[in-house]
PDB file of all heavy atoms in Angstrom:
ATOM      1  N   LYS A   1      -5.813  -3.966   4.049  1.00  0.00           N
ATOM      2  CA  LYS A   1      -7.060  -4.648   4.394  1.00  0.00           C
ATOM      3  C   LYS A   1      -8.284  -4.038   3.700  1.00  0.00           C
ATOM      4  O   LYS A   1      -8.215  -2.932   3.150  1.00  0.00           O
ATOM      5  CB  LYS A   1      -7.260  -4.610   5.908  1.00  0.00           C
ATOM      6  CG  LYS A   1      -6.250  -5.435   6.692  1.00  0.00           C
ATOM      7  CD  LYS A   1      -6.587  -5.311   8.177  1.00  0.00           C
ATOM      8  CE  LYS A   1      -5.679  -6.127   9.049  1.00  0.00           C
ATOM      9  NZ  LYS A   1      -6.045  -5.967  10.478  1.00  0.00           N
ATOM     10  N   PRO A   2      -9.407  -4.766   3.770  1.00  0.00           N
ATOM     11  CA  PRO A   2     -10.623  -4.303   3.091  1.00  0.00           C
ATOM     12  C   PRO A   2     -11.048  -2.871   3.414  1.00  0.00           C
ATOM     13  O   PRO A   2     -11.470  -2.146   2.511  1.00  0.00           O
ATOM     14  CB  PRO A   2     -11.679  -5.313   3.536  1.00  0.00           C
ATOM     15  CG  PRO A   2     -10.900  -6.588   3.683  1.00  0.00           C
ATOM     16  CD  PRO A   2      -9.603  -6.131   4.305  1.00  0.00           C
ATOM     17  N   ASP A   3     -10.930  -2.432   4.664  1.00  0.00           N
ATOM     18  CA  ASP A   3     -11.373  -1.070   4.966  1.00  0.00           C
ATOM     19  C   ASP A   3     -10.515  -0.031   4.260  1.00  0.00           C
ATOM     20  O   ASP A   3     -11.035   0.977   3.761  1.00  0.00           O
ATOM     21  CB  ASP A   3     -11.447  -0.810   6.472  1.00  0.00           C
ATOM     22  CG  ASP A   3     -10.137  -1.018   7.215  1.00  0.00           C
ATOM     23  OD1 ASP A   3      -9.485  -2.050   6.999  1.00  0.00           O
ATOM     24  OD2 ASP A   3      -9.784  -0.156   8.048  1.00  0.00           O
ATOM     25  N   ALA A   4      -9.218  -0.241   4.155  1.00  0.00           N
ATOM     26  CA  ALA A   4      -8.353   0.690   3.431  1.00  0.00           C
ATOM     27  C   ALA A   4      -8.666   0.657   1.934  1.00  0.00           C
ATOM     28  O   ALA A   4      -8.679   1.706   1.279  1.00  0.00           O
ATOM     29  CB  ALA A   4      -6.885   0.354   3.671  1.00  0.00           C
ATOM     30  N   MET A   5      -8.928  -0.530   1.405  1.00  0.00           N
ATOM     31  CA  MET A   5      -9.267  -0.654  -0.013  1.00  0.00           C
ATOM     32  C   MET A   5     -10.585   0.063  -0.304  1.00  0.00           C
ATOM     33  O   MET A   5     -10.702   0.805  -1.286  1.00  0.00           O
ATOM     34  CB  MET A   5      -9.349  -2.126  -0.421  1.00  0.00           C
ATOM     35  CG  MET A   5      -8.053  -2.898  -0.258  1.00  0.00           C
ATOM     36  SD  MET A   5      -6.712  -2.274  -1.289  1.00  0.00           S
ATOM     37  CE  MET A   5      -7.308  -2.766  -2.907  1.00  0.00           C
ATOM     38  N   GLN A   6     -11.574  -0.152   0.535  1.00  0.00           N
ATOM     39  CA  GLN A   6     -12.900   0.445   0.319  1.00  0.00           C
ATOM     40  C   GLN A   6     -12.856   1.967   0.456  1.00  0.00           C
ATOM     41  O   GLN A   6     -13.636   2.667  -0.179  1.00  0.00           O
ATOM     42  CB  GLN A   6     -13.911  -0.163   1.300  1.00  0.00           C
ATOM     43  CG  GLN A   6     -14.182  -1.623   0.997  1.00  0.00           C
ATOM     44  CD  GLN A   6     -14.785  -2.382   2.170  1.00  0.00           C
ATOM     45  OE1 GLN A   6     -15.001  -1.847   3.253  1.00  0.00           O
ATOM     46  NE2 GLN A   6     -15.042  -3.663   1.949  1.00  0.00           N
ATOM     47  N   ARG A   7     -11.929   2.472   1.232  1.00  0.00           N
ATOM     48  CA  ARG A   7     -11.798   3.919   1.433  1.00  0.00           C
ATOM     49  C   ARG A   7     -10.787   4.553   0.481  1.00  0.00           C
ATOM     50  O   ARG A   7     -10.442   5.719   0.622  1.00  0.00           O
ATOM     51  CB  ARG A   7     -11.403   4.197   2.884  1.00  0.00           C
ATOM     52  CG  ARG A   7     -12.515   3.814   3.872  1.00  0.00           C
ATOM     53  CD  ARG A   7     -12.089   3.966   5.312  1.00  0.00           C
ATOM     54  NE  ARG A   7     -11.596   5.308   5.582  1.00  0.00           N
ATOM     55  CZ  ARG A   7     -10.774   5.611   6.593  1.00  0.00           C
ATOM     56  NH1 ARG A   7     -10.338   4.661   7.413  1.00  0.00           N
ATOM     57  NH2 ARG A   7     -10.380   6.851   6.785  1.00  0.00           N
ATOM     58  N   ALA A   8     -10.286   3.769  -0.492  1.00  0.00           N
ATOM     59  CA  ALA A   8      -9.334   4.261  -1.500  1.00  0.00           C
ATOM     60  C   ALA A   8      -8.055   4.822  -0.857  1.00  0.00           C
ATOM     61  O   ALA A   8      -7.530   5.846  -1.282  1.00  0.00           O
ATOM     62  CB  ALA A   8      -9.993   5.296  -2.418  1.00  0.00           C
ATOM     63  N   LEU A   9      -7.537   4.107   0.136  1.00  0.00           N
ATOM     64  CA  LEU A   9      -6.315   4.514   0.823  1.00  0.00           C
ATOM     65  C   LEU A   9      -5.104   3.665   0.439  1.00  0.00           C
ATOM     66  O   LEU A   9      -4.020   3.859   0.992  1.00  0.00           O
ATOM     67  CB  LEU A   9      -6.522   4.444   2.345  1.00  0.00           C
ATOM     68  CG  LEU A   9      -7.506   5.455   2.926  1.00  0.00           C
ATOM     69  CD1 LEU A   9      -7.775   5.149   4.404  1.00  0.00           C
ATOM     70  CD2 LEU A   9      -6.977   6.876   2.763  1.00  0.00           C
ATOM     71  N   ALA A  10      -5.263   2.744  -0.494  1.00  0.00           N
ATOM     72  CA  ALA A  10      -4.164   1.835  -0.845  1.00  0.00           C
ATOM     73  C   ALA A  10      -2.911   2.592  -1.287  1.00  0.00           C
ATOM     74  O   ALA A  10      -1.803   2.264  -0.858  1.00  0.00           O
ATOM     75  CB  ALA A  10      -4.604   0.854  -1.925  1.00  0.00           C
ATOM     76  N   GLY A  11      -3.072   3.576  -2.125  1.00  0.00           N
ATOM     77  CA  GLY A  11      -1.914   4.345  -2.602  1.00  0.00           C
ATOM     78  C   GLY A  11      -1.201   5.054  -1.471  1.00  0.00           C
ATOM     79  O   GLY A  11       0.035   5.072  -1.408  1.00  0.00           O
ATOM     80  N   GLU A  12      -1.958   5.633  -0.562  1.00  0.00           N
ATOM     81  CA  GLU A  12      -1.381   6.307   0.599  1.00  0.00           C
ATOM     82  C   GLU A  12      -0.614   5.322   1.477  1.00  0.00           C
ATOM     83  O   GLU A  12       0.498   5.604   1.918  1.00  0.00           O
ATOM     84  CB  GLU A  12      -2.485   6.984   1.427  1.00  0.00           C
ATOM     85  CG  GLU A  12      -1.989   7.657   2.681  1.00  0.00           C
ATOM     86  CD  GLU A  12      -1.146   8.895   2.440  1.00  0.00           C
ATOM     87  OE1 GLU A  12      -1.354   9.576   1.413  1.00  0.00           O
ATOM     88  OE2 GLU A  12      -0.274   9.178   3.282  1.00  0.00           O
ATOM     89  N   VAL A  13      -1.205   4.159   1.707  1.00  0.00           N
ATOM     90  CA  VAL A  13      -0.563   3.140   2.540  1.00  0.00           C
ATOM     91  C   VAL A  13       0.766   2.719   1.922  1.00  0.00           C
ATOM     92  O   VAL A  13       1.817   2.752   2.577  1.00  0.00           O
ATOM     93  CB  VAL A  13      -1.498   1.926   2.743  1.00  0.00           C
ATOM     94  CG1 VAL A  13      -0.754   0.760   3.379  1.00  0.00           C
ATOM     95  CG2 VAL A  13      -2.710   2.319   3.581  1.00  0.00           C
ATOM     96  N   ILE A  14       0.740   2.322   0.655  1.00  0.00           N
ATOM     97  CA  ILE A  14       1.960   1.857  -0.021  1.00  0.00           C
ATOM     98  C   ILE A  14       3.004   2.967  -0.086  1.00  0.00           C
ATOM     99  O   ILE A  14       4.199   2.739   0.143  1.00  0.00           O
ATOM    100  CB  ILE A  14       1.633   1.320  -1.434  1.00  0.00           C
ATOM    101  CG1 ILE A  14       0.672   0.122  -1.366  1.00  0.00           C
ATOM    102  CG2 ILE A  14       2.905   0.978  -2.201  1.00  0.00           C
ATOM    103  CD1 ILE A  14       1.176  -1.076  -0.614  1.00  0.00           C
ATOM    104  N   SER A  15       2.572   4.187  -0.373  1.00  0.00           N
ATOM    105  CA  SER A  15       3.546   5.281  -0.496  1.00  0.00           C
ATOM    106  C   SER A  15       4.230   5.589   0.833  1.00  0.00           C
ATOM    107  O   SER A  15       5.401   5.974   0.845  1.00  0.00           O
ATOM    108  CB  SER A  15       2.892   6.539  -1.071  1.00  0.00           C
ATOM    109  OG  SER A  15       2.017   7.128  -0.140  1.00  0.00           O
ATOM    110  N   ARG A  16       3.550   5.384   1.946  1.00  0.00           N
ATOM    111  CA  ARG A  16       4.192   5.616   3.246  1.00  0.00           C
ATOM    112  C   ARG A  16       5.367   4.665   3.446  1.00  0.00           C
ATOM    113  O   ARG A  16       6.413   5.057   3.957  1.00  0.00           O
ATOM    114  CB  ARG A  16       3.200   5.422   4.391  1.00  0.00           C
ATOM    115  CG  ARG A  16       2.084   6.423   4.433  1.00  0.00           C
ATOM    116  CD  ARG A  16       2.411   7.585   5.367  1.00  0.00           C
ATOM    117  NE  ARG A  16       1.257   8.448   5.498  1.00  0.00           N
ATOM    118  CZ  ARG A  16       0.611   8.674   6.636  1.00  0.00           C
ATOM    119  NH1 ARG A  16       1.010   8.117   7.754  1.00  0.00           N
ATOM    120  NH2 ARG A  16      -0.420   9.483   6.658  1.00  0.00           N
ATOM    121  N   TYR A  17       5.188   3.408   3.057  1.00  0.00           N
ATOM    122  CA  TYR A  17       6.291   2.444   3.188  1.00  0.00           C
ATOM    123  C   TYR A  17       7.438   2.812   2.254  1.00  0.00           C
ATOM    124  O   TYR A  17       8.609   2.736   2.637  1.00  0.00           O
ATOM    125  CB  TYR A  17       5.825   1.024   2.878  1.00  0.00           C
ATOM    126  CG  TYR A  17       4.720   0.514   3.779  1.00  0.00           C
ATOM    127  CD1 TYR A  17       3.573  -0.045   3.230  1.00  0.00           C
ATOM    128  CD2 TYR A  17       4.817   0.559   5.161  1.00  0.00           C
ATOM    129  CE1 TYR A  17       2.561  -0.532   4.030  1.00  0.00           C
ATOM    130  CE2 TYR A  17       3.802   0.080   5.973  1.00  0.00           C
ATOM    131  CZ  TYR A  17       2.677  -0.460   5.405  1.00  0.00           C
ATOM    132  OH  TYR A  17       1.669  -0.949   6.197  1.00  0.00           O
ATOM    133  N   GLU A  18       7.116   3.207   1.029  1.00  0.00           N
ATOM    134  CA  GLU A  18       8.167   3.583   0.087  1.00  0.00           C
ATOM    135  C   GLU A  18       8.915   4.822   0.567  1.00  0.00           C
ATOM    136  O   GLU A  18      10.146   4.868   0.484  1.00  0.00           O
ATOM    137  CB  GLU A  18       7.579   3.823  -1.295  1.00  0.00           C
ATOM    138  CG  GLU A  18       7.158   2.556  -2.003  1.00  0.00           C
ATOM    139  CD  GLU A  18       6.724   2.831  -3.421  1.00  0.00           C
ATOM    140  OE1 GLU A  18       5.793   3.639  -3.623  1.00  0.00           O
ATOM    141  OE2 GLU A  18       7.328   2.230  -4.328  1.00  0.00           O
ATOM    142  N   ARG A  19       8.189   5.810   1.054  1.00  0.00           N
ATOM    143  CA  ARG A  19       8.851   7.026   1.542  1.00  0.00           C
ATOM    144  C   ARG A  19       9.710   6.732   2.760  1.00  0.00           C
ATOM    145  O   ARG A  19      10.693   7.418   3.014  1.00  0.00           O
ATOM    146  CB  ARG A  19       7.813   8.107   1.858  1.00  0.00           C
ATOM    147  CG  ARG A  19       7.196   8.696   0.601  1.00  0.00           C
ATOM    148  CD  ARG A  19       6.466  10.001   0.846  1.00  0.00           C
ATOM    149  NE  ARG A  19       5.566   9.976   1.976  1.00  0.00           N
ATOM    150  CZ  ARG A  19       4.241   9.911   1.891  1.00  0.00           C
ATOM    151  NH1 ARG A  19       3.640   9.839   0.725  1.00  0.00           N
ATOM    152  NH2 ARG A  19       3.509   9.929   2.989  1.00  0.00           N
ATOM    153  N   ARG A  20       9.356   5.705   3.482  1.00  0.00           N
ATOM    154  CA  ARG A  20      10.153   5.288   4.639  1.00  0.00           C
ATOM    155  C   ARG A  20      11.489   4.696   4.185  1.00  0.00           C
ATOM    156  O   ARG A  20      12.453   4.642   4.943  1.00  0.00           O
ATOM    157  CB  ARG A  20       9.358   4.253   5.449  1.00  0.00           C
ATOM    158  CG  ARG A  20      10.015   3.754   6.690  1.00  0.00           C
ATOM    159  CD  ARG A  20       9.478   4.464   7.890  1.00  0.00           C
ATOM    160  NE  ARG A  20      10.305   4.206   9.043  1.00  0.00           N
ATOM    161  CZ  ARG A  20       9.844   4.133  10.267  1.00  0.00           C
ATOM    162  NH1 ARG A  20       8.567   4.277  10.503  1.00  0.00           N
ATOM    163  NH2 ARG A  20      10.666   3.934  11.263  1.00  0.00           N
ATOM    164  N   GLY A  21      11.537   4.227   2.924  1.00  0.00           N
ATOM    165  CA  GLY A  21      12.767   3.648   2.393  1.00  0.00           C
ATOM    166  C   GLY A  21      12.692   2.163   2.127  1.00  0.00           C
ATOM    167  O   GLY A  21      13.684   1.551   1.738  1.00  0.00           O
ATOM    168  N   LEU A  22      11.518   1.568   2.324  1.00  0.00           N
ATOM    169  CA  LEU A  22      11.355   0.135   2.072  1.00  0.00           C
ATOM    170  C   LEU A  22      11.115  -0.111   0.588  1.00  0.00           C
ATOM    171  O   LEU A  22      10.500   0.703  -0.095  1.00  0.00           O
ATOM    172  CB  LEU A  22      10.187  -0.402   2.904  1.00  0.00           C
ATOM    173  CG  LEU A  22      10.410  -0.288   4.420  1.00  0.00           C
ATOM    174  CD1 LEU A  22       9.100  -0.444   5.164  1.00  0.00           C
ATOM    175  CD2 LEU A  22      11.430  -1.311   4.873  1.00  0.00           C
ATOM    176  N   LYS A  23      11.599  -1.234   0.112  1.00  0.00           N
ATOM    177  CA  LYS A  23      11.436  -1.627  -1.291  1.00  0.00           C
ATOM    178  C   LYS A  23      10.319  -2.649  -1.416  1.00  0.00           C
ATOM    179  O   LYS A  23      10.215  -3.566  -0.603  1.00  0.00           O
ATOM    180  CB  LYS A  23      12.725  -2.257  -1.843  1.00  0.00           C
ATOM    181  CG  LYS A  23      13.935  -1.358  -1.784  1.00  0.00           C
ATOM    182  CD  LYS A  23      13.837  -0.254  -2.778  1.00  0.00           C
ATOM    183  CE  LYS A  23      15.138   0.535  -2.812  1.00  0.00           C
ATOM    184  NZ  LYS A  23      14.960   1.854  -3.332  1.00  0.00           N
ATOM    185  N   ILE A  24       9.514  -2.509  -2.448  1.00  0.00           N
ATOM    186  CA  ILE A  24       8.491  -3.505  -2.758  1.00  0.00           C
ATOM    187  C   ILE A  24       9.164  -4.605  -3.564  1.00  0.00           C
ATOM    188  O   ILE A  24       9.705  -4.337  -4.639  1.00  0.00           O
ATOM    189  CB  ILE A  24       7.342  -2.888  -3.577  1.00  0.00           C
ATOM    190  CG1 ILE A  24       6.667  -1.771  -2.785  1.00  0.00           C
ATOM    191  CG2 ILE A  24       6.340  -3.969  -3.974  1.00  0.00           C
ATOM    192  CD1 ILE A  24       5.703  -0.930  -3.619  1.00  0.00           C
ATOM    193  N   VAL A  25       9.147  -5.833  -3.043  1.00  0.00           N
ATOM    194  CA  VAL A  25       9.742  -6.950  -3.781  1.00  0.00           C
ATOM    195  C   VAL A  25       8.675  -7.906  -4.316  1.00  0.00           C
ATOM    196  O   VAL A  25       8.984  -8.819  -5.073  1.00  0.00           O
ATOM    197  CB  VAL A  25      10.798  -7.711  -2.949  1.00  0.00           C
ATOM    198  CG1 VAL A  25      11.960  -6.788  -2.610  1.00  0.00           C
ATOM    199  CG2 VAL A  25      10.213  -8.329  -1.701  1.00  0.00           C
ATOM    200  N   GLY A  26       7.434  -7.674  -3.940  1.00  0.00           N
ATOM    201  CA  GLY A  26       6.311  -8.443  -4.462  1.00  0.00           C
ATOM    202  C   GLY A  26       5.022  -7.730  -4.090  1.00  0.00           C
ATOM    203  O   GLY A  26       4.927  -7.172  -3.000  1.00  0.00           O
ATOM    204  N   MET A  27       4.061  -7.722  -5.015  1.00  0.00           N
ATOM    205  CA  MET A  27       2.791  -7.072  -4.704  1.00  0.00           C
ATOM    206  C   MET A  27       1.725  -7.606  -5.640  1.00  0.00           C
ATOM    207  O   MET A  27       1.978  -7.814  -6.829  1.00  0.00           O
ATOM    208  CB  MET A  27       2.899  -5.558  -4.854  1.00  0.00           C
ATOM    209  CG  MET A  27       1.634  -4.829  -4.421  1.00  0.00           C
ATOM    210  SD  MET A  27       1.846  -3.051  -4.131  1.00  0.00           S
ATOM    211  CE  MET A  27       2.379  -2.472  -5.711  1.00  0.00           C
ATOM    212  N   LYS A  28       0.516  -7.834  -5.072  1.00  0.00           N
ATOM    213  CA  LYS A  28      -0.600  -8.258  -5.907  1.00  0.00           C
ATOM    214  C   LYS A  28      -1.928  -7.875  -5.272  1.00  0.00           C
ATOM    215  O   LYS A  28      -2.059  -7.846  -4.044  1.00  0.00           O
ATOM    216  CB  LYS A  28      -0.552  -9.745  -6.193  1.00  0.00           C
ATOM    217  CG  LYS A  28      -0.529 -10.666  -4.999  1.00  0.00           C
ATOM    218  CD  LYS A  28      -0.457 -12.124  -5.457  1.00  0.00           C
ATOM    219  CE  LYS A  28       0.345 -12.987  -4.526  1.00  0.00           C
ATOM    220  NZ  LYS A  28       0.460 -14.364  -4.984  1.00  0.00           N
ATOM    221  N   LEU A  29      -2.868  -7.581  -6.147  1.00  0.00           N
ATOM    222  CA  LEU A  29      -4.245  -7.371  -5.747  1.00  0.00           C
ATOM    223  C   LEU A  29      -4.905  -8.733  -5.787  1.00  0.00           C
ATOM    224  O   LEU A  29      -4.784  -9.456  -6.774  1.00  0.00           O
ATOM    225  CB  LEU A  29      -4.934  -6.414  -6.728  1.00  0.00           C
ATOM    226  CG  LEU A  29      -6.417  -6.151  -6.488  1.00  0.00           C
ATOM    227  CD1 LEU A  29      -6.620  -5.385  -5.192  1.00  0.00           C
ATOM    228  CD2 LEU A  29      -6.988  -5.366  -7.674  1.00  0.00           C
ATOM    229  N   MET A  30      -5.604  -9.085  -4.704  1.00  0.00           N
ATOM    230  CA  MET A  30      -6.165 -10.433  -4.638  1.00  0.00           C
ATOM    231  C   MET A  30      -7.360 -10.476  -3.705  1.00  0.00           C
ATOM    232  O   MET A  30      -7.548  -9.595  -2.880  1.00  0.00           O
ATOM    233  CB  MET A  30      -5.096 -11.415  -4.153  1.00  0.00           C
ATOM    234  CG  MET A  30      -4.621 -11.161  -2.732  1.00  0.00           C
ATOM    235  SD  MET A  30      -3.311 -12.260  -2.151  1.00  0.00           S
ATOM    236  CE  MET A  30      -4.126 -13.829  -2.157  1.00  0.00           C
TER     237      MET A  30
END
């Protein structure tokens, strides 16, 4: 969401899901 984007937390958010073991099957900035 916008607050995470504005606070430069996008990488942290995505990496938490990946470290959990989930696969990214689609992603876009929009």
